[in-house]
């Protein structure tokens, strides 16, 4: 599944929060395939089917170079001790309370996990003297912005969901830490990630389950929505390459290249990770129909609170920093997901 790239000398030990999650699982698999030592940390919360997380974790634990601790991000003492014992070169912080819609139901969980938890990760990384801290953010941080494709240098102050607001807050927190303590930090904004071992609360999973069962799917925004769908193996390849692209504090602001989100006062930047194209919701559904060989029964609905009508990433900065750009089209990606879904659930 994964092609091997030569890694930078000195980056040998990677600490991954959310290792049993959808993206964390794929990232750990890639890093292990390239010979890194990887240590995972995950709270295994019940936001969605824990058995799916356990299955992902079991696959990772078959690797000799993988270690794991089960605890919550809010347990600062446990997190700090675990990270210090592993002595990582880089930390990739993926663990979070995800989901735009769930943030309407359980808002406090987003404050504790995303803000307090991320602060604890930043503190532990600083104490360990890591060479690079990488934090997962979201395309939802662009909020009500309408000019697309979204660029990292765009102003983003109009978040429309609590989930997005907490992720934008972690970007600001990490910038202050990078400035105060010289901690090289990259925040990446994900764009609608999908693929095998995906999350059951997301549209690819829910639509596939319903279509295979002959049940209607809820199509929000009456189908007039667009997303920049990013296949998970493309996404984790980008993260892997960004590990080696730690930002450096510029000497003067005029040393920052045009289009680079590098801070003028800190070793810190934001990077979009998306496919670089917007796909209509109808075309996405058509890709599932092609993969399953069945037609969808569509229940057209108004757009939900906190949602946005479109996302679309400018990936110029990612390609400039890494020489890489995601390439998997929606039909190929959904065909792979449906194949996994059918195998996993025996349908």
C-alpha atoms as a PDB file:
ATOM      1  CA  UNK A   1       0.000   0.000   0.000  1.00  0.00           C
ATOM      2  CA  UNK A   2       2.751   2.445   0.906  1.00  0.00           C
ATOM      3  CA  UNK A   3       5.792   3.426  -1.143  1.00  0.00           C
ATOM      4  CA  UNK A   4       8.951   3.946   0.889  1.00  0.00           C
ATOM      5  CA  UNK A   5      10.697   7.334   0.876  1.00  0.00           C
ATOM      6  CA  UNK A   6      14.139   7.921   2.348  1.00  0.00           C
ATOM      7  CA  UNK A   7      13.654   9.676   5.652  1.00  0.00           C
ATOM      8  CA  UNK A   8      15.696  12.527   7.037  1.00  0.00           C
ATOM      9  CA  UNK A   9      18.593  11.426   9.229  1.00  0.00           C
ATOM     10  CA  UNK A  10      17.826  12.206  12.865  1.00  0.00           C
ATOM     11  CA  UNK A  11      14.036  11.730  12.742  1.00  0.00           C
ATOM     12  CA  UNK A  12      13.734   8.197  14.102  1.00  0.00           C
ATOM     13  CA  UNK A  13      11.113   8.209  16.844  1.00  0.00           C
ATOM     14  CA  UNK A  14       7.598   9.523  16.225  1.00  0.00           C
ATOM     15  CA  UNK A  15       4.896   9.947  18.878  1.00  0.00           C
ATOM     16  CA  UNK A  16       1.342   9.840  17.501  1.00  0.00           C
ATOM     17  CA  UNK A  17      -1.746  10.809  19.491  1.00  0.00           C
ATOM     18  CA  UNK A  18      -4.980   9.304  18.231  1.00  0.00           C
ATOM     19  CA  UNK A  19      -3.038   6.296  16.941  1.00  0.00           C
ATOM     20  CA  UNK A  20      -6.081   3.998  16.986  1.00  0.00           C
ATOM     21  CA  UNK A  21      -8.148   6.513  15.052  1.00  0.00           C
ATOM     22  CA  UNK A  22      -8.826   6.517  11.334  1.00  0.00           C
ATOM     23  CA  UNK A  23      -5.964   8.786  10.249  1.00  0.00           C
ATOM     24  CA  UNK A  24      -3.685   7.783  13.121  1.00  0.00           C
ATOM     25  CA  UNK A  25      -3.867   4.114  12.166  1.00  0.00           C
ATOM     26  CA  UNK A  26      -2.877   4.809   8.562  1.00  0.00           C
ATOM     27  CA  UNK A  27      -0.084   7.184   9.565  1.00  0.00           C
ATOM     28  CA  UNK A  28       1.400   4.689  12.026  1.00  0.00           C
ATOM     29  CA  UNK A  29       1.288   1.938   9.392  1.00  0.00           C
ATOM     30  CA  UNK A  30       3.179   4.154   6.954  1.00  0.00           C
ATOM     31  CA  UNK A  31       5.791   5.232   9.495  1.00  0.00           C
ATOM     32  CA  UNK A  32       6.374   1.657  10.635  1.00  0.00           C
ATOM     33  CA  UNK A  33       6.750   0.518   7.029  1.00  0.00           C
ATOM     34  CA  UNK A  34       9.533   3.084   6.654  1.00  0.00           C
ATOM     35  CA  UNK A  35      11.423   1.855   9.702  1.00  0.00           C
ATOM     36  CA  UNK A  36      10.486   4.480  12.263  1.00  0.00           C
ATOM     37  CA  UNK A  37       9.871   3.593  15.884  1.00  0.00           C
ATOM     38  CA  UNK A  38       6.326   4.728  16.655  1.00  0.00           C
ATOM     39  CA  UNK A  39       4.562   5.192  19.974  1.00  0.00           C
ATOM     40  CA  UNK A  40       0.813   5.726  20.021  1.00  0.00           C
ATOM     41  CA  UNK A  41      -1.405   7.398  22.612  1.00  0.00           C
ATOM     42  CA  UNK A  42      -5.197   7.174  22.493  1.00  0.00           C
ATOM     43  CA  UNK A  43      -8.153   7.452  24.861  1.00  0.00           C
ATOM     44  CA  UNK A  44     -10.344   4.990  22.896  1.00  0.00           C
ATOM     45  CA  UNK A  45     -13.449   7.086  23.589  1.00  0.00           C
ATOM     46  CA  UNK A  46     -16.934   5.860  22.685  1.00  0.00           C
ATOM     47  CA  UNK A  47     -17.739   8.644  20.202  1.00  0.00           C
ATOM     48  CA  UNK A  48     -18.034   5.832  17.650  1.00  0.00           C
ATOM     49  CA  UNK A  49     -17.674   2.035  17.622  1.00  0.00           C
ATOM     50  CA  UNK A  50     -14.724   1.218  19.882  1.00  0.00           C
ATOM     51  CA  UNK A  51     -14.385  -2.251  18.351  1.00  0.00           C
ATOM     52  CA  UNK A  52     -13.278  -0.591  15.108  1.00  0.00           C
ATOM     53  CA  UNK A  53     -10.557   1.261  17.029  1.00  0.00           C
ATOM     54  CA  UNK A  54      -9.505  -1.978  18.727  1.00  0.00           C
ATOM     55  CA  UNK A  55      -9.186  -3.709  15.358  1.00  0.00           C
ATOM     56  CA  UNK A  56      -7.000  -0.908  14.004  1.00  0.00           C
ATOM     57  CA  UNK A  57      -4.864  -1.021  17.142  1.00  0.00           C
ATOM     58  CA  UNK A  58      -4.475  -4.800  16.945  1.00  0.00           C
ATOM     59  CA  UNK A  59      -3.014  -4.454  13.452  1.00  0.00           C
ATOM     60  CA  UNK A  60      -0.493  -1.887  14.658  1.00  0.00           C
ATOM     61  CA  UNK A  61       0.519  -4.029  17.615  1.00  0.00           C
ATOM     62  CA  UNK A  62       1.703  -6.733  15.232  1.00  0.00           C
ATOM     63  CA  UNK A  63       4.692  -4.480  14.446  1.00  0.00           C
ATOM     64  CA  UNK A  64       7.764  -4.827  16.635  1.00  0.00           C
ATOM     65  CA  UNK A  65       8.508  -1.106  16.398  1.00  0.00           C
ATOM     66  CA  UNK A  66       5.144   0.005  17.805  1.00  0.00           C
ATOM     67  CA  UNK A  67       4.291   0.861  21.399  1.00  0.00           C
ATOM     68  CA  UNK A  68       1.039   2.168  22.851  1.00  0.00           C
ATOM     69  CA  UNK A  69      -0.485   3.818  25.904  1.00  0.00           C
ATOM     70  CA  UNK A  70      -4.219   4.068  26.516  1.00  0.00           C
ATOM     71  CA  UNK A  71      -5.183   7.239  28.374  1.00  0.00           C
ATOM     72  CA  UNK A  72      -6.991  10.542  27.880  1.00  0.00           C
ATOM     73  CA  UNK A  73      -5.305  13.720  26.686  1.00  0.00           C
ATOM     74  CA  UNK A  74      -6.740  15.511  29.711  1.00  0.00           C
ATOM     75  CA  UNK A  75      -4.523  13.332  31.955  1.00  0.00           C
ATOM     76  CA  UNK A  76      -1.550  15.673  31.675  1.00  0.00           C
ATOM     77  CA  UNK A  77       0.682  13.748  34.075  1.00  0.00           C
ATOM     78  CA  UNK A  78       0.186  10.437  32.254  1.00  0.00           C
ATOM     79  CA  UNK A  79       0.709  12.051  28.856  1.00  0.00           C
ATOM     80  CA  UNK A  80       3.867  13.876  29.939  1.00  0.00           C
ATOM     81  CA  UNK A  81       5.384  10.781  31.549  1.00  0.00           C
ATOM     82  CA  UNK A  82       4.554   8.580  28.577  1.00  0.00           C
ATOM     83  CA  UNK A  83       6.021  11.003  26.050  1.00  0.00           C
ATOM     84  CA  UNK A  84       9.142  11.584  28.165  1.00  0.00           C
ATOM     85  CA  UNK A  85       9.744   7.834  28.450  1.00  0.00           C
ATOM     86  CA  UNK A  86       9.616   7.430  24.663  1.00  0.00           C
ATOM     87  CA  UNK A  87      11.813  10.489  23.909  1.00  0.00           C
ATOM     88  CA  UNK A  88      10.334  11.320  20.485  1.00  0.00           C
ATOM     89  CA  UNK A  89      12.037  13.320  17.765  1.00  0.00           C
ATOM     90  CA  UNK A  90       8.664  14.499  16.458  1.00  0.00           C
ATOM     91  CA  UNK A  91       5.094  14.503  17.749  1.00  0.00           C
ATOM     92  CA  UNK A  92       2.068  14.214  15.456  1.00  0.00           C
ATOM     93  CA  UNK A  93      -1.037  15.253  17.374  1.00  0.00           C
ATOM     94  CA  UNK A  94      -4.145  13.786  15.723  1.00  0.00           C
ATOM     95  CA  UNK A  95      -6.305  12.964  18.747  1.00  0.00           C
ATOM     96  CA  UNK A  96      -9.346  15.204  19.118  1.00  0.00           C
ATOM     97  CA  UNK A  97     -13.069  15.268  19.595  1.00  0.00           C
ATOM     98  CA  UNK A  98     -14.153  15.341  15.958  1.00  0.00           C
ATOM     99  CA  UNK A  99     -17.407  16.080  14.174  1.00  0.00           C
ATOM    100  CA  UNK A 100     -19.186  19.323  13.350  1.00  0.00           C
ATOM    101  CA  UNK A 101     -22.675  18.007  14.145  1.00  0.00           C
ATOM    102  CA  UNK A 102     -21.776  16.318  17.442  1.00  0.00           C
ATOM    103  CA  UNK A 103     -20.419  19.645  18.716  1.00  0.00           C
ATOM    104  CA  UNK A 104     -24.054  20.791  18.930  1.00  0.00           C
ATOM    105  CA  UNK A 105     -24.841  17.890  21.250  1.00  0.00           C
ATOM    106  CA  UNK A 106     -21.769  17.689  23.503  1.00  0.00           C
ATOM    107  CA  UNK A 107     -19.937  21.028  23.310  1.00  0.00           C
ATOM    108  CA  UNK A 108     -17.962  20.652  26.533  1.00  0.00           C
ATOM    109  CA  UNK A 109     -16.178  17.565  25.242  1.00  0.00           C
ATOM    110  CA  UNK A 110     -14.635  19.741  22.520  1.00  0.00           C
ATOM    111  CA  UNK A 111     -13.288  22.219  25.044  1.00  0.00           C
ATOM    112  CA  UNK A 112     -11.681  19.537  27.201  1.00  0.00           C
ATOM    113  CA  UNK A 113     -10.312  17.313  24.448  1.00  0.00           C
ATOM    114  CA  UNK A 114      -9.366  19.803  21.767  1.00  0.00           C
ATOM    115  CA  UNK A 115      -8.191  22.771  23.801  1.00  0.00           C
ATOM    116  CA  UNK A 116      -7.063  21.355  27.148  1.00  0.00           C
ATOM    117  CA  UNK A 117      -5.798  18.179  25.503  1.00  0.00           C
ATOM    118  CA  UNK A 118      -3.806  20.060  22.871  1.00  0.00           C
ATOM    119  CA  UNK A 119      -2.310  22.327  25.532  1.00  0.00           C
ATOM    120  CA  UNK A 120      -1.129  19.224  27.404  1.00  0.00           C
ATOM    121  CA  UNK A 121       0.462  17.867  24.219  1.00  0.00           C
ATOM    122  CA  UNK A 122       2.242  21.180  23.625  1.00  0.00           C
ATOM    123  CA  UNK A 123       3.567  21.251  27.186  1.00  0.00           C
ATOM    124  CA  UNK A 124       4.810  17.651  27.016  1.00  0.00           C
ATOM    125  CA  UNK A 125       6.452  18.250  23.619  1.00  0.00           C
ATOM    126  CA  UNK A 126       8.203  21.361  24.927  1.00  0.00           C
ATOM    127  CA  UNK A 127       9.480  19.509  27.981  1.00  0.00           C
ATOM    128  CA  UNK A 128      10.808  16.710  25.748  1.00  0.00           C
ATOM    129  CA  UNK A 129      12.575  19.106  23.404  1.00  0.00           C
ATOM    130  CA  UNK A 130      11.020  17.591  20.270  1.00  0.00           C
ATOM    131  CA  UNK A 131      12.388  18.740  16.929  1.00  0.00           C
ATOM    132  CA  UNK A 132       8.974  19.180  15.322  1.00  0.00           C
ATOM    133  CA  UNK A 133       5.392  19.309  16.616  1.00  0.00           C
ATOM    134  CA  UNK A 134       2.665  18.676  14.032  1.00  0.00           C
ATOM    135  CA  UNK A 135      -0.968  19.428  14.919  1.00  0.00           C
ATOM    136  CA  UNK A 136      -4.108  18.402  13.040  1.00  0.00           C
ATOM    137  CA  UNK A 137      -6.554  21.196  12.319  1.00  0.00           C
ATOM    138  CA  UNK A 138      -9.434  21.304   9.849  1.00  0.00           C
ATOM    139  CA  UNK A 139     -10.706  22.960   6.681  1.00  0.00           C
ATOM    140  CA  UNK A 140     -13.662  24.013   8.847  1.00  0.00           C
ATOM    141  CA  UNK A 141     -11.324  26.657  10.286  1.00  0.00           C
ATOM    142  CA  UNK A 142     -11.935  28.710   7.113  1.00  0.00           C
ATOM    143  CA  UNK A 143     -15.525  29.074   8.334  1.00  0.00           C
ATOM    144  CA  UNK A 144     -17.706  31.446   6.353  1.00  0.00           C
ATOM    145  CA  UNK A 145     -14.968  32.368   3.864  1.00  0.00           C
ATOM    146  CA  UNK A 146     -16.355  32.256   0.324  1.00  0.00           C
ATOM    147  CA  UNK A 147     -13.254  32.910  -1.799  1.00  0.00           C
ATOM    148  CA  UNK A 148     -11.873  29.571  -3.013  1.00  0.00           C
ATOM    149  CA  UNK A 149      -9.683  27.664  -3.229  1.00  0.00           C
ATOM    150  CA  UNK A 150      -8.810  28.276   0.414  1.00  0.00           C
ATOM    151  CA  UNK A 151      -5.251  29.506   0.915  1.00  0.00           C
ATOM    152  CA  UNK A 152      -3.323  29.236   4.168  1.00  0.00           C
ATOM    153  CA  UNK A 153      -2.644  32.983   4.112  1.00  0.00           C
ATOM    154  CA  UNK A 154      -6.380  33.809   3.990  1.00  0.00           C
ATOM    155  CA  UNK A 155      -7.832  35.461   7.077  1.00  0.00           C
ATOM    156  CA  UNK A 156      -9.931  32.878   8.942  1.00  0.00           C
ATOM    157  CA  UNK A 157     -11.897  34.467  11.768  1.00  0.00           C
ATOM    158  CA  UNK A 158     -15.466  33.406  11.008  1.00  0.00           C
ATOM    159  CA  UNK A 159     -15.819  29.804  12.220  1.00  0.00           C
ATOM    160  CA  UNK A 160     -19.444  28.597  12.150  1.00  0.00           C
ATOM    161  CA  UNK A 161     -19.220  25.561  14.459  1.00  0.00           C
ATOM    162  CA  UNK A 162     -17.787  25.019  17.923  1.00  0.00           C
ATOM    163  CA  UNK A 163     -15.651  22.188  16.532  1.00  0.00           C
ATOM    164  CA  UNK A 164     -14.022  24.571  14.050  1.00  0.00           C
ATOM    165  CA  UNK A 165     -13.609  27.245  16.719  1.00  0.00           C
ATOM    166  CA  UNK A 166     -11.753  24.883  19.041  1.00  0.00           C
ATOM    167  CA  UNK A 167      -9.413  23.768  16.234  1.00  0.00           C
ATOM    168  CA  UNK A 168      -8.711  27.389  15.264  1.00  0.00           C
ATOM    169  CA  UNK A 169      -7.999  28.077  18.935  1.00  0.00           C
ATOM    170  CA  UNK A 170      -5.393  25.302  19.012  1.00  0.00           C
ATOM    171  CA  UNK A 171      -3.676  26.908  16.027  1.00  0.00           C
ATOM    172  CA  UNK A 172      -3.412  30.171  17.979  1.00  0.00           C
ATOM    173  CA  UNK A 173      -2.213  28.385  21.117  1.00  0.00           C
ATOM    174  CA  UNK A 174       0.491  26.537  19.210  1.00  0.00           C
ATOM    175  CA  UNK A 175       1.693  29.755  17.578  1.00  0.00           C
ATOM    176  CA  UNK A 176       2.235  31.334  20.989  1.00  0.00           C
ATOM    177  CA  UNK A 177       4.191  28.236  22.139  1.00  0.00           C
ATOM    178  CA  UNK A 178       6.316  28.281  18.986  1.00  0.00           C
ATOM    179  CA  UNK A 179       7.090  31.954  19.546  1.00  0.00           C
ATOM    180  CA  UNK A 180       7.775  31.707  23.272  1.00  0.00           C
ATOM    181  CA  UNK A 181       9.792  28.496  23.295  1.00  0.00           C
ATOM    182  CA  UNK A 182      11.117  28.129  19.744  1.00  0.00           C
ATOM    183  CA  UNK A 183       9.163  24.889  19.249  1.00  0.00           C
ATOM    184  CA  UNK A 184       8.957  24.226  15.476  1.00  0.00           C
ATOM    185  CA  UNK A 185       5.267  23.647  14.771  1.00  0.00           C
ATOM    186  CA  UNK A 186       3.213  22.793  11.690  1.00  0.00           C
ATOM    187  CA  UNK A 187      -0.592  22.908  11.763  1.00  0.00           C
ATOM    188  CA  UNK A 188      -2.235  21.071   8.904  1.00  0.00           C
ATOM    189  CA  UNK A 189      -5.817  21.690   7.818  1.00  0.00           C
ATOM    190  CA  UNK A 190      -7.466  18.476   6.598  1.00  0.00           C
ATOM    191  CA  UNK A 191     -10.084  18.450   3.846  1.00  0.00           C
ATOM    192  CA  UNK A 192     -12.801  15.737   4.113  1.00  0.00           C
ATOM    193  CA  UNK A 193     -10.664  12.646   4.597  1.00  0.00           C
ATOM    194  CA  UNK A 194     -12.072   9.254   3.575  1.00  0.00           C
ATOM    195  CA  UNK A 195     -10.926   5.701   2.843  1.00  0.00           C
ATOM    196  CA  UNK A 196     -10.654   2.200   4.366  1.00  0.00           C
ATOM    197  CA  UNK A 197     -10.988   1.994   8.171  1.00  0.00           C
ATOM    198  CA  UNK A 198     -12.881   5.305   8.065  1.00  0.00           C
ATOM    199  CA  UNK A 199     -15.101   6.812  10.745  1.00  0.00           C
ATOM    200  CA  UNK A 200     -18.738   5.597  10.900  1.00  0.00           C
ATOM    201  CA  UNK A 201     -20.010   9.135  11.574  1.00  0.00           C
ATOM    202  CA  UNK A 202     -18.797  10.456   8.218  1.00  0.00           C
ATOM    203  CA  UNK A 203     -20.745  10.585   4.949  1.00  0.00           C
ATOM    204  CA  UNK A 204     -18.719   7.973   2.985  1.00  0.00           C
ATOM    205  CA  UNK A 205     -19.397   5.392   5.705  1.00  0.00           C
ATOM    206  CA  UNK A 206     -23.041   6.346   6.338  1.00  0.00           C
ATOM    207  CA  UNK A 207     -23.947   6.573   2.657  1.00  0.00           C
ATOM    208  CA  UNK A 208     -22.283   3.260   1.799  1.00  0.00           C
ATOM    209  CA  UNK A 209     -24.029   1.463   4.660  1.00  0.00           C
ATOM    210  CA  UNK A 210     -27.439   2.863   3.697  1.00  0.00           C
ATOM    211  CA  UNK A 211     -27.092   2.249  -0.059  1.00  0.00           C
ATOM    212  CA  UNK A 212     -26.015  -1.357   0.471  1.00  0.00           C
ATOM    213  CA  UNK A 213     -28.951  -1.844   2.850  1.00  0.00           C
ATOM    214  CA  UNK A 214     -31.446  -0.292   0.417  1.00  0.00           C
ATOM    215  CA  UNK A 215     -32.172   2.565   2.825  1.00  0.00           C
ATOM    216  CA  UNK A 216     -32.476   6.281   1.965  1.00  0.00           C
ATOM    217  CA  UNK A 217     -29.579   8.653   2.553  1.00  0.00           C
ATOM    218  CA  UNK A 218     -29.980  12.144   4.037  1.00  0.00           C
ATOM    219  CA  UNK A 219     -28.624  14.626   1.488  1.00  0.00           C
ATOM    220  CA  UNK A 220     -28.100  17.975   3.204  1.00  0.00           C
ATOM    221  CA  UNK A 221     -28.200  21.294   1.417  1.00  0.00           C
ATOM    222  CA  UNK A 222     -30.544  19.619  -1.090  1.00  0.00           C
ATOM    223  CA  UNK A 223     -27.382  18.268  -2.712  1.00  0.00           C
ATOM    224  CA  UNK A 224     -26.011  21.733  -3.542  1.00  0.00           C
ATOM    225  CA  UNK A 225     -22.751  21.194  -1.670  1.00  0.00           C
ATOM    226  CA  UNK A 226     -19.127  20.657  -2.643  1.00  0.00           C
ATOM    227  CA  UNK A 227     -16.233  19.051  -0.795  1.00  0.00           C
ATOM    228  CA  UNK A 228     -12.519  18.576  -1.426  1.00  0.00           C
ATOM    229  CA  UNK A 229     -12.375  14.816  -0.742  1.00  0.00           C
ATOM    230  CA  UNK A 230      -8.911  13.596   0.313  1.00  0.00           C
ATOM    231  CA  UNK A 231      -8.033   9.898   0.229  1.00  0.00           C
ATOM    232  CA  UNK A 232      -6.453   8.803   3.489  1.00  0.00           C
ATOM    233  CA  UNK A 233      -3.247   7.273   2.106  1.00  0.00           C
ATOM    234  CA  UNK A 234      -2.598  10.486   0.172  1.00  0.00           C
ATOM    235  CA  UNK A 235      -3.146  12.460   3.365  1.00  0.00           C
ATOM    236  CA  UNK A 236      -0.777  10.445   5.545  1.00  0.00           C
ATOM    237  CA  UNK A 237       1.903  10.532   2.844  1.00  0.00           C
ATOM    238  CA  UNK A 238       1.688  14.320   3.022  1.00  0.00           C
ATOM    239  CA  UNK A 239       1.969  14.253   6.831  1.00  0.00           C
ATOM    240  CA  UNK A 240       4.950  11.922   6.596  1.00  0.00           C
ATOM    241  CA  UNK A 241       6.766  14.310   4.257  1.00  0.00           C
ATOM    242  CA  UNK A 242       5.878  17.343   6.367  1.00  0.00           C
ATOM    243  CA  UNK A 243       7.595  15.730   9.363  1.00  0.00           C
ATOM    244  CA  UNK A 244      10.858  16.499   7.563  1.00  0.00           C
ATOM    245  CA  UNK A 245       9.819  20.074   6.758  1.00  0.00           C
ATOM    246  CA  UNK A 246      10.046  21.695  10.181  1.00  0.00           C
ATOM    247  CA  UNK A 247       9.575  25.476   9.933  1.00  0.00           C
ATOM    248  CA  UNK A 248      12.337  27.851  10.943  1.00  0.00           C
ATOM    249  CA  UNK A 249      11.860  31.302  12.428  1.00  0.00           C
ATOM    250  CA  UNK A 250      12.600  33.832   9.657  1.00  0.00           C
ATOM    251  CA  UNK A 251      15.296  36.416  10.228  1.00  0.00           C
ATOM    252  CA  UNK A 252      13.097  39.179   8.813  1.00  0.00           C
ATOM    253  CA  UNK A 253       9.514  39.189   7.447  1.00  0.00           C
ATOM    254  CA  UNK A 254      10.757  39.879   3.910  1.00  0.00           C
ATOM    255  CA  UNK A 255      12.441  36.462   3.926  1.00  0.00           C
ATOM    256  CA  UNK A 256       9.018  34.751   3.843  1.00  0.00           C
ATOM    257  CA  UNK A 257       8.126  33.617   0.328  1.00  0.00           C
ATOM    258  CA  UNK A 258       4.865  34.799  -1.199  1.00  0.00           C
ATOM    259  CA  UNK A 259       2.077  32.367  -0.365  1.00  0.00           C
ATOM    260  CA  UNK A 260       3.922  30.867   2.609  1.00  0.00           C
ATOM    261  CA  UNK A 261       1.997  30.917   5.900  1.00  0.00           C
ATOM    262  CA  UNK A 262       5.244  30.926   7.907  1.00  0.00           C
ATOM    263  CA  UNK A 263       4.931  33.221  10.909  1.00  0.00           C
ATOM    264  CA  UNK A 264       7.136  36.332  10.901  1.00  0.00           C
ATOM    265  CA  UNK A 265       7.876  35.828  14.612  1.00  0.00           C
ATOM    266  CA  UNK A 266       7.929  32.052  15.172  1.00  0.00           C
ATOM    267  CA  UNK A 267       8.948  28.711  13.621  1.00  0.00           C
ATOM    268  CA  UNK A 268       5.290  28.004  12.809  1.00  0.00           C
ATOM    269  CA  UNK A 269       3.113  27.562   9.732  1.00  0.00           C
ATOM    270  CA  UNK A 270      -0.234  26.245   8.485  1.00  0.00           C
ATOM    271  CA  UNK A 271      -0.421  23.796   5.567  1.00  0.00           C
ATOM    272  CA  UNK A 272      -3.530  22.634   3.702  1.00  0.00           C
ATOM    273  CA  UNK A 273      -3.754  18.907   2.969  1.00  0.00           C
ATOM    274  CA  UNK A 274      -6.465  18.351   0.400  1.00  0.00           C
ATOM    275  CA  UNK A 275      -6.932  16.847  -3.026  1.00  0.00           C
ATOM    276  CA  UNK A 276      -6.942  20.288  -4.613  1.00  0.00           C
ATOM    277  CA  UNK A 277     -10.300  19.978  -6.340  1.00  0.00           C
ATOM    278  CA  UNK A 278     -13.923  20.419  -5.288  1.00  0.00           C
ATOM    279  CA  UNK A 279     -16.362  17.592  -5.945  1.00  0.00           C
ATOM    280  CA  UNK A 280     -20.123  18.077  -6.103  1.00  0.00           C
ATOM    281  CA  UNK A 281     -22.087  16.053  -3.548  1.00  0.00           C
ATOM    282  CA  UNK A 282     -24.023  14.464  -6.416  1.00  0.00           C
ATOM    283  CA  UNK A 283     -20.778  13.256  -8.038  1.00  0.00           C
ATOM    284  CA  UNK A 284     -19.651  11.826  -4.705  1.00  0.00           C
ATOM    285  CA  UNK A 285     -22.909   9.883  -4.369  1.00  0.00           C
ATOM    286  CA  UNK A 286     -22.556   8.713  -7.968  1.00  0.00           C
ATOM    287  CA  UNK A 287     -19.094   7.333  -7.109  1.00  0.00           C
ATOM    288  CA  UNK A 288     -20.641   5.244  -4.302  1.00  0.00           C
ATOM    289  CA  UNK A 289     -23.397   4.060  -6.625  1.00  0.00           C
ATOM    290  CA  UNK A 290     -20.782   2.970  -9.178  1.00  0.00           C
ATOM    291  CA  UNK A 291     -18.764   1.157  -6.511  1.00  0.00           C
ATOM    292  CA  UNK A 292     -21.757  -0.625  -4.969  1.00  0.00           C
ATOM    293  CA  UNK A 293     -23.681  -1.221  -8.203  1.00  0.00           C
ATOM    294  CA  UNK A 294     -26.808   0.205  -6.550  1.00  0.00           C
ATOM    295  CA  UNK A 295     -28.785   3.429  -6.831  1.00  0.00           C
ATOM    296  CA  UNK A 296     -29.189   5.694  -3.837  1.00  0.00           C
ATOM    297  CA  UNK A 297     -32.577   6.676  -2.426  1.00  0.00           C
ATOM    298  CA  UNK A 298     -32.117  10.371  -1.669  1.00  0.00           C
ATOM    299  CA  UNK A 299     -33.848  12.241   1.146  1.00  0.00           C
ATOM    300  CA  UNK A 300     -33.194  15.920   0.345  1.00  0.00           C
ATOM    301  CA  UNK A 301     -32.823  18.101   3.444  1.00  0.00           C
ATOM    302  CA  UNK A 302     -31.835  21.618   4.469  1.00  0.00           C
ATOM    303  CA  UNK A 303     -28.222  22.222   5.429  1.00  0.00           C
ATOM    304  CA  UNK A 304     -27.448  21.503   9.072  1.00  0.00           C
ATOM    305  CA  UNK A 305     -26.297  24.115  11.585  1.00  0.00           C
ATOM    306  CA  UNK A 306     -22.547  24.612  11.642  1.00  0.00           C
ATOM    307  CA  UNK A 307     -22.030  23.163   8.165  1.00  0.00           C
ATOM    308  CA  UNK A 308     -20.592  25.029   5.179  1.00  0.00           C
ATOM    309  CA  UNK A 309     -21.703  24.739   1.536  1.00  0.00           C
ATOM    310  CA  UNK A 310     -18.251  24.094   0.066  1.00  0.00           C
ATOM    311  CA  UNK A 311     -14.579  23.418   0.761  1.00  0.00           C
ATOM    312  CA  UNK A 312     -11.682  23.498  -1.687  1.00  0.00           C
ATOM    313  CA  UNK A 313      -7.956  23.510  -0.869  1.00  0.00           C
ATOM    314  CA  UNK A 314      -5.140  25.354  -2.548  1.00  0.00           C
ATOM    315  CA  UNK A 315      -2.292  22.818  -2.169  1.00  0.00           C
ATOM    316  CA  UNK A 316       0.502  24.955  -3.651  1.00  0.00           C
ATOM    317  CA  UNK A 317       2.302  25.307  -0.310  1.00  0.00           C
ATOM    318  CA  UNK A 318       2.179  21.568   0.403  1.00  0.00           C
ATOM    319  CA  UNK A 319       3.713  20.842  -2.990  1.00  0.00           C
ATOM    320  CA  UNK A 320       6.359  23.542  -2.516  1.00  0.00           C
ATOM    321  CA  UNK A 321       7.402  22.140   0.875  1.00  0.00           C
ATOM    322  CA  UNK A 322       7.289  18.430   0.020  1.00  0.00           C
ATOM    323  CA  UNK A 323       7.178  18.061  -3.759  1.00  0.00           C
ATOM    324  CA  UNK A 324       4.028  16.009  -3.253  1.00  0.00           C
ATOM    325  CA  UNK A 325       0.364  16.432  -4.043  1.00  0.00           C
ATOM    326  CA  UNK A 326      -2.543  14.032  -3.373  1.00  0.00           C
ATOM    327  CA  UNK A 327      -3.675  12.277  -6.542  1.00  0.00           C
ATOM    328  CA  UNK A 328      -6.506   9.799  -5.833  1.00  0.00           C
ATOM    329  CA  UNK A 329      -9.770  10.595  -7.622  1.00  0.00           C
ATOM    330  CA  UNK A 330     -13.126  10.152  -5.910  1.00  0.00           C
ATOM    331  CA  UNK A 331     -14.209   7.128  -7.996  1.00  0.00           C
ATOM    332  CA  UNK A 332     -11.006   5.179  -7.309  1.00  0.00           C
ATOM    333  CA  UNK A 333     -11.003   6.182  -3.652  1.00  0.00           C
ATOM    334  CA  UNK A 334     -14.627   5.246  -3.028  1.00  0.00           C
ATOM    335  CA  UNK A 335     -14.204   1.952  -4.879  1.00  0.00           C
ATOM    336  CA  UNK A 336     -11.382   1.084  -2.459  1.00  0.00           C
ATOM    337  CA  UNK A 337     -13.496   2.136   0.521  1.00  0.00           C
ATOM    338  CA  UNK A 338     -16.509   0.079  -0.594  1.00  0.00           C
ATOM    339  CA  UNK A 339     -14.268  -2.962  -1.136  1.00  0.00           C
ATOM    340  CA  UNK A 340     -12.952  -2.589   2.431  1.00  0.00           C
ATOM    341  CA  UNK A 341     -16.448  -2.026   3.846  1.00  0.00           C
ATOM    342  CA  UNK A 342     -17.842  -5.133   2.207  1.00  0.00           C
ATOM    343  CA  UNK A 343     -14.922  -7.235   3.402  1.00  0.00           C
ATOM    344  CA  UNK A 344     -14.977  -5.869   6.964  1.00  0.00           C
ATOM    345  CA  UNK A 345     -18.737  -6.236   7.449  1.00  0.00           C
ATOM    346  CA  UNK A 346     -19.238  -9.272   5.214  1.00  0.00           C
ATOM    347  CA  UNK A 347     -21.826  -7.650   2.916  1.00  0.00           C
END
